[in-house]
Amino acid sequence: QGIVSRKDVSMQDENGQTFEGLIETDATINP
């Protein structure tokens, strides 16, 4: 569990592909 840290976040992956409209959270994300 966690909270919404930011909304409508844009980021790029290692291939330079852009993802938009993401939700950023501090909920623990594991493999």
PDB file of all heavy atoms in Angstrom:
ATOM      1  N   GLN A   1       0.835  -1.198   0.000  1.00  0.00           N
ATOM      2  CA  GLN A   1       0.000   0.000   0.000  1.00  0.00           C
ATOM      3  C   GLN A   1       0.870   1.248   0.000  1.00  0.00           C
ATOM      4  O   GLN A   1       2.034   1.217   0.384  1.00  0.00           O
ATOM      5  CB  GLN A   1      -0.942   0.005   1.208  1.00  0.00           C
ATOM      6  CG  GLN A   1      -0.248  -0.044   2.556  1.00  0.00           C
ATOM      7  CD  GLN A   1       0.235   1.280   3.070  1.00  0.00           C
ATOM      8  OE1 GLN A   1      -0.345   2.317   2.737  1.00  0.00           O
ATOM      9  NE2 GLN A   1       1.280   1.270   3.885  1.00  0.00           N
ATOM     10  N   GLY A   2       0.281   2.336  -0.466  1.00  0.00           N
ATOM     11  CA  GLY A   2       0.986   3.610  -0.506  1.00  0.00           C
ATOM     12  C   GLY A   2       0.018   4.715  -0.856  1.00  0.00           C
ATOM     13  O   GLY A   2      -1.193   4.582  -0.649  1.00  0.00           O
ATOM     14  N   ILE A   3       0.553   5.778  -1.396  1.00  0.00           N
ATOM     15  CA  ILE A   3      -0.274   6.905  -1.811  1.00  0.00           C
ATOM     16  C   ILE A   3       0.050   7.288  -3.250  1.00  0.00           C
ATOM     17  O   ILE A   3       1.041   6.831  -3.818  1.00  0.00           O
ATOM     18  CB  ILE A   3      -0.071   8.133  -0.894  1.00  0.00           C
ATOM     19  CG1 ILE A   3       1.396   8.614  -0.977  1.00  0.00           C
ATOM     20  CG2 ILE A   3      -0.478   7.833   0.537  1.00  0.00           C
ATOM     21  CD1 ILE A   3       1.637   9.947  -0.322  1.00  0.00           C
ATOM     22  N   VAL A   4      -0.793   8.126  -3.809  1.00  0.00           N
ATOM     23  CA  VAL A   4      -0.502   8.719  -5.116  1.00  0.00           C
ATOM     24  C   VAL A   4       0.510   9.833  -4.891  1.00  0.00           C
ATOM     25  O   VAL A   4       0.241  10.801  -4.184  1.00  0.00           O
ATOM     26  CB  VAL A   4      -1.779   9.283  -5.767  1.00  0.00           C
ATOM     27  CG1 VAL A   4      -1.435  10.016  -7.057  1.00  0.00           C
ATOM     28  CG2 VAL A   4      -2.785   8.170  -6.030  1.00  0.00           C
ATOM     29  N   SER A   5       1.698   9.671  -5.459  1.00  0.00           N
ATOM     30  CA  SER A   5       2.750  10.677  -5.297  1.00  0.00           C
ATOM     31  C   SER A   5       2.611  11.811  -6.306  1.00  0.00           C
ATOM     32  O   SER A   5       2.784  12.982  -5.969  1.00  0.00           O
ATOM     33  CB  SER A   5       4.125  10.027  -5.450  1.00  0.00           C
ATOM     34  OG  SER A   5       4.306   8.982  -4.523  1.00  0.00           O
ATOM     35  N   ARG A   6       2.332  11.443  -7.555  1.00  0.00           N
ATOM     36  CA  ARG A   6       2.119  12.433  -8.619  1.00  0.00           C
ATOM     37  C   ARG A   6       1.122  11.868  -9.614  1.00  0.00           C
ATOM     38  O   ARG A   6       0.936  10.658  -9.712  1.00  0.00           O
ATOM     39  CB  ARG A   6       3.417  12.769  -9.357  1.00  0.00           C
ATOM     40  CG  ARG A   6       4.402  13.625  -8.610  1.00  0.00           C
ATOM     41  CD  ARG A   6       5.470  14.157  -9.563  1.00  0.00           C
ATOM     42  NE  ARG A   6       6.264  13.073 -10.154  1.00  0.00           N
ATOM     43  CZ  ARG A   6       7.091  13.243 -11.191  1.00  0.00           C
ATOM     44  NH1 ARG A   6       7.191  14.429 -11.780  1.00  0.00           N
ATOM     45  NH2 ARG A   6       7.793  12.230 -11.655  1.00  0.00           N
ATOM     46  N   LYS A   7       0.517  12.750 -10.383  1.00  0.00           N
ATOM     47  CA  LYS A   7      -0.405  12.340 -11.438  1.00  0.00           C
ATOM     48  C   LYS A   7       0.097  12.856 -12.785  1.00  0.00           C
ATOM     49  O   LYS A   7       0.881  13.789 -12.856  1.00  0.00           O
ATOM     50  CB  LYS A   7      -1.808  12.898 -11.181  1.00  0.00           C
ATOM     51  CG  LYS A   7      -2.434  12.458  -9.870  1.00  0.00           C
ATOM     52  CD  LYS A   7      -3.902  12.890  -9.807  1.00  0.00           C
ATOM     53  CE  LYS A   7      -4.060  14.399  -9.977  1.00  0.00           C
ATOM     54  NZ  LYS A   7      -5.472  14.806  -9.966  1.00  0.00           N
ATOM     55  N   ASP A   8      -0.390  12.215 -13.846  1.00  0.00           N
ATOM     56  CA  ASP A   8      -0.118  12.661 -15.216  1.00  0.00           C
ATOM     57  C   ASP A   8       1.377  12.821 -15.468  1.00  0.00           C
ATOM     58  O   ASP A   8       1.849  13.843 -15.955  1.00  0.00           O
ATOM     59  CB  ASP A   8      -0.846  13.974 -15.511  1.00  0.00           C
ATOM     60  CG  ASP A   8      -0.975  14.240 -16.997  1.00  0.00           C
ATOM     61  OD1 ASP A   8      -0.890  13.277 -17.786  1.00  0.00           O
ATOM     62  OD2 ASP A   8      -1.130  15.415 -17.380  1.00  0.00           O
ATOM     63  N   VAL A   9       2.136  11.773 -15.130  1.00  0.00           N
ATOM     64  CA  VAL A   9       3.587  11.790 -15.257  1.00  0.00           C
ATOM     65  C   VAL A   9       3.995  11.236 -16.617  1.00  0.00           C
ATOM     66  O   VAL A   9       3.414  10.270 -17.108  1.00  0.00           O
ATOM     67  CB  VAL A   9       4.235  10.948 -14.136  1.00  0.00           C
ATOM     68  CG1 VAL A   9       5.750  10.919 -14.274  1.00  0.00           C
ATOM     69  CG2 VAL A   9       3.831  11.495 -12.774  1.00  0.00           C
ATOM     70  N   SER A  10       5.010  11.834 -17.231  1.00  0.00           N
ATOM     71  CA  SER A  10       5.586  11.327 -18.477  1.00  0.00           C
ATOM     72  C   SER A  10       6.991  10.809 -18.188  1.00  0.00           C
ATOM     73  O   SER A  10       7.726  11.398 -17.395  1.00  0.00           O
ATOM     74  CB  SER A  10       5.661  12.426 -19.542  1.00  0.00           C
ATOM     75  OG  SER A  10       4.379  12.885 -19.877  1.00  0.00           O
ATOM     76  N   MET A  11       7.356   9.697 -18.821  1.00  0.00           N
ATOM     77  CA  MET A  11       8.697   9.160 -18.647  1.00  0.00           C
ATOM     78  C   MET A  11       9.072   8.349 -19.868  1.00  0.00           C
ATOM     79  O   MET A  11       8.222   7.947 -20.663  1.00  0.00           O
ATOM     80  CB  MET A  11       8.788   8.291 -17.388  1.00  0.00           C
ATOM     81  CG  MET A  11       7.931   7.054 -17.412  1.00  0.00           C
ATOM     82  SD  MET A  11       8.180   6.002 -15.966  1.00  0.00           S
ATOM     83  CE  MET A  11       9.907   5.575 -16.170  1.00  0.00           C
ATOM     84  N   GLN A  12      10.374   8.124 -20.044  1.00  0.00           N
ATOM     85  CA  GLN A  12      10.878   7.336 -21.159  1.00  0.00           C
ATOM     86  C   GLN A  12      11.515   6.063 -20.648  1.00  0.00           C
ATOM     87  O   GLN A  12      12.122   6.030 -19.579  1.00  0.00           O
ATOM     88  CB  GLN A  12      11.914   8.136 -21.962  1.00  0.00           C
ATOM     89  CG  GLN A  12      11.324   9.256 -22.795  1.00  0.00           C
ATOM     90  CD  GLN A  12      12.367   9.903 -23.692  1.00  0.00           C
ATOM     91  OE1 GLN A  12      13.560   9.814 -23.443  1.00  0.00           O
ATOM     92  NE2 GLN A  12      11.909  10.555 -24.747  1.00  0.00           N
ATOM     93  N   ASP A  13      11.375   4.983 -21.449  1.00  0.00           N
ATOM     94  CA  ASP A  13      12.069   3.752 -21.099  1.00  0.00           C
ATOM     95  C   ASP A  13      13.455   3.764 -21.722  1.00  0.00           C
ATOM     96  O   ASP A  13      13.890   4.759 -22.300  1.00  0.00           O
ATOM     97  CB  ASP A  13      11.254   2.529 -21.513  1.00  0.00           C
ATOM     98  CG  ASP A  13      11.131   2.378 -23.031  1.00  0.00           C
ATOM     99  OD1 ASP A  13      11.782   3.144 -23.778  1.00  0.00           O
ATOM    100  OD2 ASP A  13      10.395   1.494 -23.475  1.00  0.00           O
ATOM    101  N   GLU A  14      14.175   2.639 -21.596  1.00  0.00           N
ATOM    102  CA  GLU A  14      15.561   2.600 -22.062  1.00  0.00           C
ATOM    103  C   GLU A  14      15.666   2.695 -23.581  1.00  0.00           C
ATOM    104  O   GLU A  14      16.735   2.988 -24.119  1.00  0.00           O
ATOM    105  CB  GLU A  14      16.248   1.320 -21.569  1.00  0.00           C
ATOM    106  CG  GLU A  14      15.895   0.053 -22.324  1.00  0.00           C
ATOM    107  CD  GLU A  14      14.548  -0.532 -21.898  1.00  0.00           C
ATOM    108  OE1 GLU A  14      13.826   0.101 -21.107  1.00  0.00           O
ATOM    109  OE2 GLU A  14      14.224  -1.633 -22.360  1.00  0.00           O
ATOM    110  N   ASN A  15      14.555   2.464 -24.290  1.00  0.00           N
ATOM    111  CA  ASN A  15      14.556   2.564 -25.752  1.00  0.00           C
ATOM    112  C   ASN A  15      14.133   3.937 -26.240  1.00  0.00           C
ATOM    113  O   ASN A  15      14.018   4.168 -27.440  1.00  0.00           O
ATOM    114  CB  ASN A  15      13.623   1.506 -26.337  1.00  0.00           C
ATOM    115  CG  ASN A  15      14.064   0.095 -25.998  1.00  0.00           C
ATOM    116  OD1 ASN A  15      15.253  -0.228 -26.080  1.00  0.00           O
ATOM    117  ND2 ASN A  15      13.125  -0.754 -25.602  1.00  0.00           N
ATOM    118  N   GLY A  16      13.894   4.853 -25.296  1.00  0.00           N
ATOM    119  CA  GLY A  16      13.467   6.196 -25.663  1.00  0.00           C
ATOM    120  C   GLY A  16      11.982   6.324 -25.896  1.00  0.00           C
ATOM    121  O   GLY A  16      11.510   7.389 -26.279  1.00  0.00           O
ATOM    122  N   GLN A  17      11.223   5.236 -25.672  1.00  0.00           N
ATOM    123  CA  GLN A  17       9.776   5.295 -25.853  1.00  0.00           C
ATOM    124  C   GLN A  17       9.142   6.064 -24.715  1.00  0.00           C
ATOM    125  O   GLN A  17       9.439   5.833 -23.541  1.00  0.00           O
ATOM    126  CB  GLN A  17       9.191   3.887 -25.915  1.00  0.00           C
ATOM    127  CG  GLN A  17       7.681   3.862 -26.112  1.00  0.00           C
ATOM    128  CD  GLN A  17       7.143   2.460 -26.270  1.00  0.00           C
ATOM    129  OE1 GLN A  17       7.823   1.582 -26.791  1.00  0.00           O
ATOM    130  NE2 GLN A  17       5.922   2.238 -25.827  1.00  0.00           N
ATOM    131  N   THR A  18       8.256   6.979 -25.052  1.00  0.00           N
ATOM    132  CA  THR A  18       7.625   7.839 -24.049  1.00  0.00           C
ATOM    133  C   THR A  18       6.296   7.255 -23.605  1.00  0.00           C
ATOM    134  O   THR A  18       5.475   6.841 -24.423  1.00  0.00           O
ATOM    135  CB  THR A  18       7.383   9.247 -24.622  1.00  0.00           C
ATOM    136  OG1 THR A  18       8.638   9.806 -25.025  1.00  0.00           O
ATOM    137  CG2 THR A  18       6.750  10.160 -23.575  1.00  0.00           C
ATOM    138  N   PHE A  19       6.100   7.228 -22.294  1.00  0.00           N
ATOM    139  CA  PHE A  19       4.817   6.835 -21.705  1.00  0.00           C
ATOM    140  C   PHE A  19       4.250   8.070 -21.003  1.00  0.00           C
ATOM    141  O   PHE A  19       4.955   8.752 -20.253  1.00  0.00           O
ATOM    142  CB  PHE A  19       4.993   5.692 -20.711  1.00  0.00           C
ATOM    143  CG  PHE A  19       5.374   4.387 -21.351  1.00  0.00           C
ATOM    144  CD1 PHE A  19       6.703   4.067 -21.576  1.00  0.00           C
ATOM    145  CD2 PHE A  19       4.396   3.484 -21.737  1.00  0.00           C
ATOM    146  CE1 PHE A  19       7.048   2.870 -22.165  1.00  0.00           C
ATOM    147  CE2 PHE A  19       4.734   2.285 -22.336  1.00  0.00           C
ATOM    148  CZ  PHE A  19       6.064   1.981 -22.557  1.00  0.00           C
ATOM    149  N   GLU A  20       2.979   8.345 -21.254  1.00  0.00           N
ATOM    150  CA  GLU A  20       2.356   9.542 -20.698  1.00  0.00           C
ATOM    151  C   GLU A  20       1.135   9.177 -19.862  1.00  0.00           C
ATOM    152  O   GLU A  20       0.586   8.083 -19.976  1.00  0.00           O
ATOM    153  CB  GLU A  20       1.968  10.505 -21.824  1.00  0.00           C
ATOM    154  CG  GLU A  20       3.161  11.022 -22.616  1.00  0.00           C
ATOM    155  CD  GLU A  20       2.762  12.045 -23.656  1.00  0.00           C
ATOM    156  OE1 GLU A  20       1.568  12.065 -24.032  1.00  0.00           O
ATOM    157  OE2 GLU A  20       3.632  12.819 -24.095  1.00  0.00           O
ATOM    158  N   GLY A  21       0.718  10.127 -19.036  1.00  0.00           N
ATOM    159  CA  GLY A  21      -0.474   9.935 -18.234  1.00  0.00           C
ATOM    160  C   GLY A  21      -0.304   8.908 -17.138  1.00  0.00           C
ATOM    161  O   GLY A  21      -1.283   8.308 -16.682  1.00  0.00           O
ATOM    162  N   LEU A  22       0.940   8.687 -16.680  1.00  0.00           N
ATOM    163  CA  LEU A  22       1.195   7.684 -15.658  1.00  0.00           C
ATOM    164  C   LEU A  22       0.864   8.197 -14.260  1.00  0.00           C
ATOM    165  O   LEU A  22       0.897   9.398 -14.000  1.00  0.00           O
ATOM    166  CB  LEU A  22       2.661   7.257 -15.688  1.00  0.00           C
ATOM    167  CG  LEU A  22       3.184   6.623 -16.984  1.00  0.00           C
ATOM    168  CD1 LEU A  22       4.672   6.343 -16.853  1.00  0.00           C
ATOM    169  CD2 LEU A  22       2.427   5.346 -17.307  1.00  0.00           C
ATOM    170  N   ILE A  23       0.561   7.265 -13.374  1.00  0.00           N
ATOM    171  CA  ILE A  23       0.388   7.553 -11.957  1.00  0.00           C
ATOM    172  C   ILE A  23       1.674   7.148 -11.248  1.00  0.00           C
ATOM    173  O   ILE A  23       2.158   6.033 -11.424  1.00  0.00           O
ATOM    174  CB  ILE A  23      -0.789   6.765 -11.360  1.00  0.00           C
ATOM    175  CG1 ILE A  23      -2.098   7.133 -12.058  1.00  0.00           C
ATOM    176  CG2 ILE A  23      -0.903   6.999  -9.854  1.00  0.00           C
ATOM    177  CD1 ILE A  23      -3.231   6.173 -11.747  1.00  0.00           C
ATOM    178  N   GLU A  24       2.235   8.060 -10.474  1.00  0.00           N
ATOM    179  CA  GLU A  24       3.417   7.729  -9.677  1.00  0.00           C
ATOM    180  C   GLU A  24       2.968   7.416  -8.255  1.00  0.00           C
ATOM    181  O   GLU A  24       2.152   8.139  -7.681  1.00  0.00           O
ATOM    182  CB  GLU A  24       4.402   8.888  -9.673  1.00  0.00           C
ATOM    183  CG  GLU A  24       5.694   8.596  -8.926  1.00  0.00           C
ATOM    184  CD  GLU A  24       6.633   9.788  -8.936  1.00  0.00           C
ATOM    185  OE1 GLU A  24       7.029  10.230 -10.035  1.00  0.00           O
ATOM    186  OE2 GLU A  24       6.967  10.289  -7.837  1.00  0.00           O
ATOM    187  N   THR A  25       3.494   6.335  -7.690  1.00  0.00           N
ATOM    188  CA  THR A  25       3.091   5.919  -6.352  1.00  0.00           C
ATOM    189  C   THR A  25       4.292   5.451  -5.553  1.00  0.00           C
ATOM    190  O   THR A  25       5.291   4.998  -6.135  1.00  0.00           O
ATOM    191  CB  THR A  25       2.052   4.783  -6.418  1.00  0.00           C
ATOM    192  OG1 THR A  25       1.715   4.378  -5.084  1.00  0.00           O
ATOM    193  CG2 THR A  25       2.585   3.578  -7.176  1.00  0.00           C
ATOM    194  N   ASP A  26       4.190   5.561  -4.227  1.00  0.00           N
ATOM    195  CA  ASP A  26       5.249   5.019  -3.377  1.00  0.00           C
ATOM    196  C   ASP A  26       4.904   3.632  -2.859  1.00  0.00           C
ATOM    197  O   ASP A  26       5.629   3.075  -2.038  1.00  0.00           O
ATOM    198  CB  ASP A  26       5.557   5.964  -2.217  1.00  0.00           C
ATOM    199  CG  ASP A  26       4.420   6.059  -1.202  1.00  0.00           C
ATOM    200  OD1 ASP A  26       3.301   5.603  -1.506  1.00  0.00           O
ATOM    201  OD2 ASP A  26       4.656   6.606  -0.107  1.00  0.00           O
ATOM    202  N   ALA A  27       3.789   3.065  -3.329  1.00  0.00           N
ATOM    203  CA  ALA A  27       3.490   1.665  -3.008  1.00  0.00           C
ATOM    204  C   ALA A  27       4.619   0.792  -3.554  1.00  0.00           C
ATOM    205  O   ALA A  27       5.054   0.971  -4.691  1.00  0.00           O
ATOM    206  CB  ALA A  27       2.157   1.246  -3.620  1.00  0.00           C
ATOM    207  N   THR A  28       5.113  -0.129  -2.744  1.00  0.00           N
ATOM    208  CA  THR A  28       6.269  -0.932  -3.132  1.00  0.00           C
ATOM    209  C   THR A  28       5.972  -1.771  -4.368  1.00  0.00           C
ATOM    210  O   THR A  28       4.990  -2.519  -4.411  1.00  0.00           O
ATOM    211  CB  THR A  28       6.697  -1.854  -1.977  1.00  0.00           C
ATOM    212  OG1 THR A  28       6.996  -1.043  -0.841  1.00  0.00           O
ATOM    213  CG2 THR A  28       7.926  -2.656  -2.350  1.00  0.00           C
ATOM    214  N   ILE A  29       6.826  -1.634  -5.376  1.00  0.00           N
ATOM    215  CA  ILE A  29       6.700  -2.380  -6.619  1.00  0.00           C
ATOM    216  C   ILE A  29       7.913  -3.287  -6.735  1.00  0.00           C
ATOM    217  O   ILE A  29       9.055  -2.821  -6.695  1.00  0.00           O
ATOM    218  CB  ILE A  29       6.639  -1.439  -7.841  1.00  0.00           C
ATOM    219  CG1 ILE A  29       5.502  -0.424  -7.691  1.00  0.00           C
ATOM    220  CG2 ILE A  29       6.502  -2.245  -9.126  1.00  0.00           C
ATOM    221  CD1 ILE A  29       4.131  -1.023  -7.586  1.00  0.00           C
ATOM    222  N   ASN A  30       7.683  -4.582  -6.861  1.00  0.00           N
ATOM    223  CA  ASN A  30       8.763  -5.565  -6.933  1.00  0.00           C
ATOM    224  C   ASN A  30       8.686  -6.350  -8.236  1.00  0.00           C
ATOM    225  O   ASN A  30       7.680  -6.294  -8.948  1.00  0.00           O
ATOM    226  CB  ASN A  30       8.671  -6.533  -5.746  1.00  0.00           C
ATOM    227  CG  ASN A  30       9.151  -5.909  -4.452  1.00  0.00           C
ATOM    228  OD1 ASN A  30      10.217  -5.301  -4.405  1.00  0.00           O
ATOM    229  ND2 ASN A  30       8.360  -6.035  -3.399  1.00  0.00           N
ATOM    230  N   PRO A  31       9.761  -7.105  -8.565  1.00  0.00           N
ATOM    231  CA  PRO A  31       9.691  -7.973  -9.740  1.00  0.00           C
ATOM    232  C   PRO A  31       8.470  -8.880  -9.664  1.00  0.00           C
ATOM    233  O   PRO A  31       8.203  -9.495  -8.632  1.00  0.00           O
ATOM    234  CB  PRO A  31      10.992  -8.778  -9.646  1.00  0.00           C
ATOM    235  CG  PRO A  31      11.920  -7.900  -8.894  1.00  0.00           C
ATOM    236  CD  PRO A  31      11.070  -7.171  -7.897  1.00  0.00           C
TER     237      PRO A  31
END
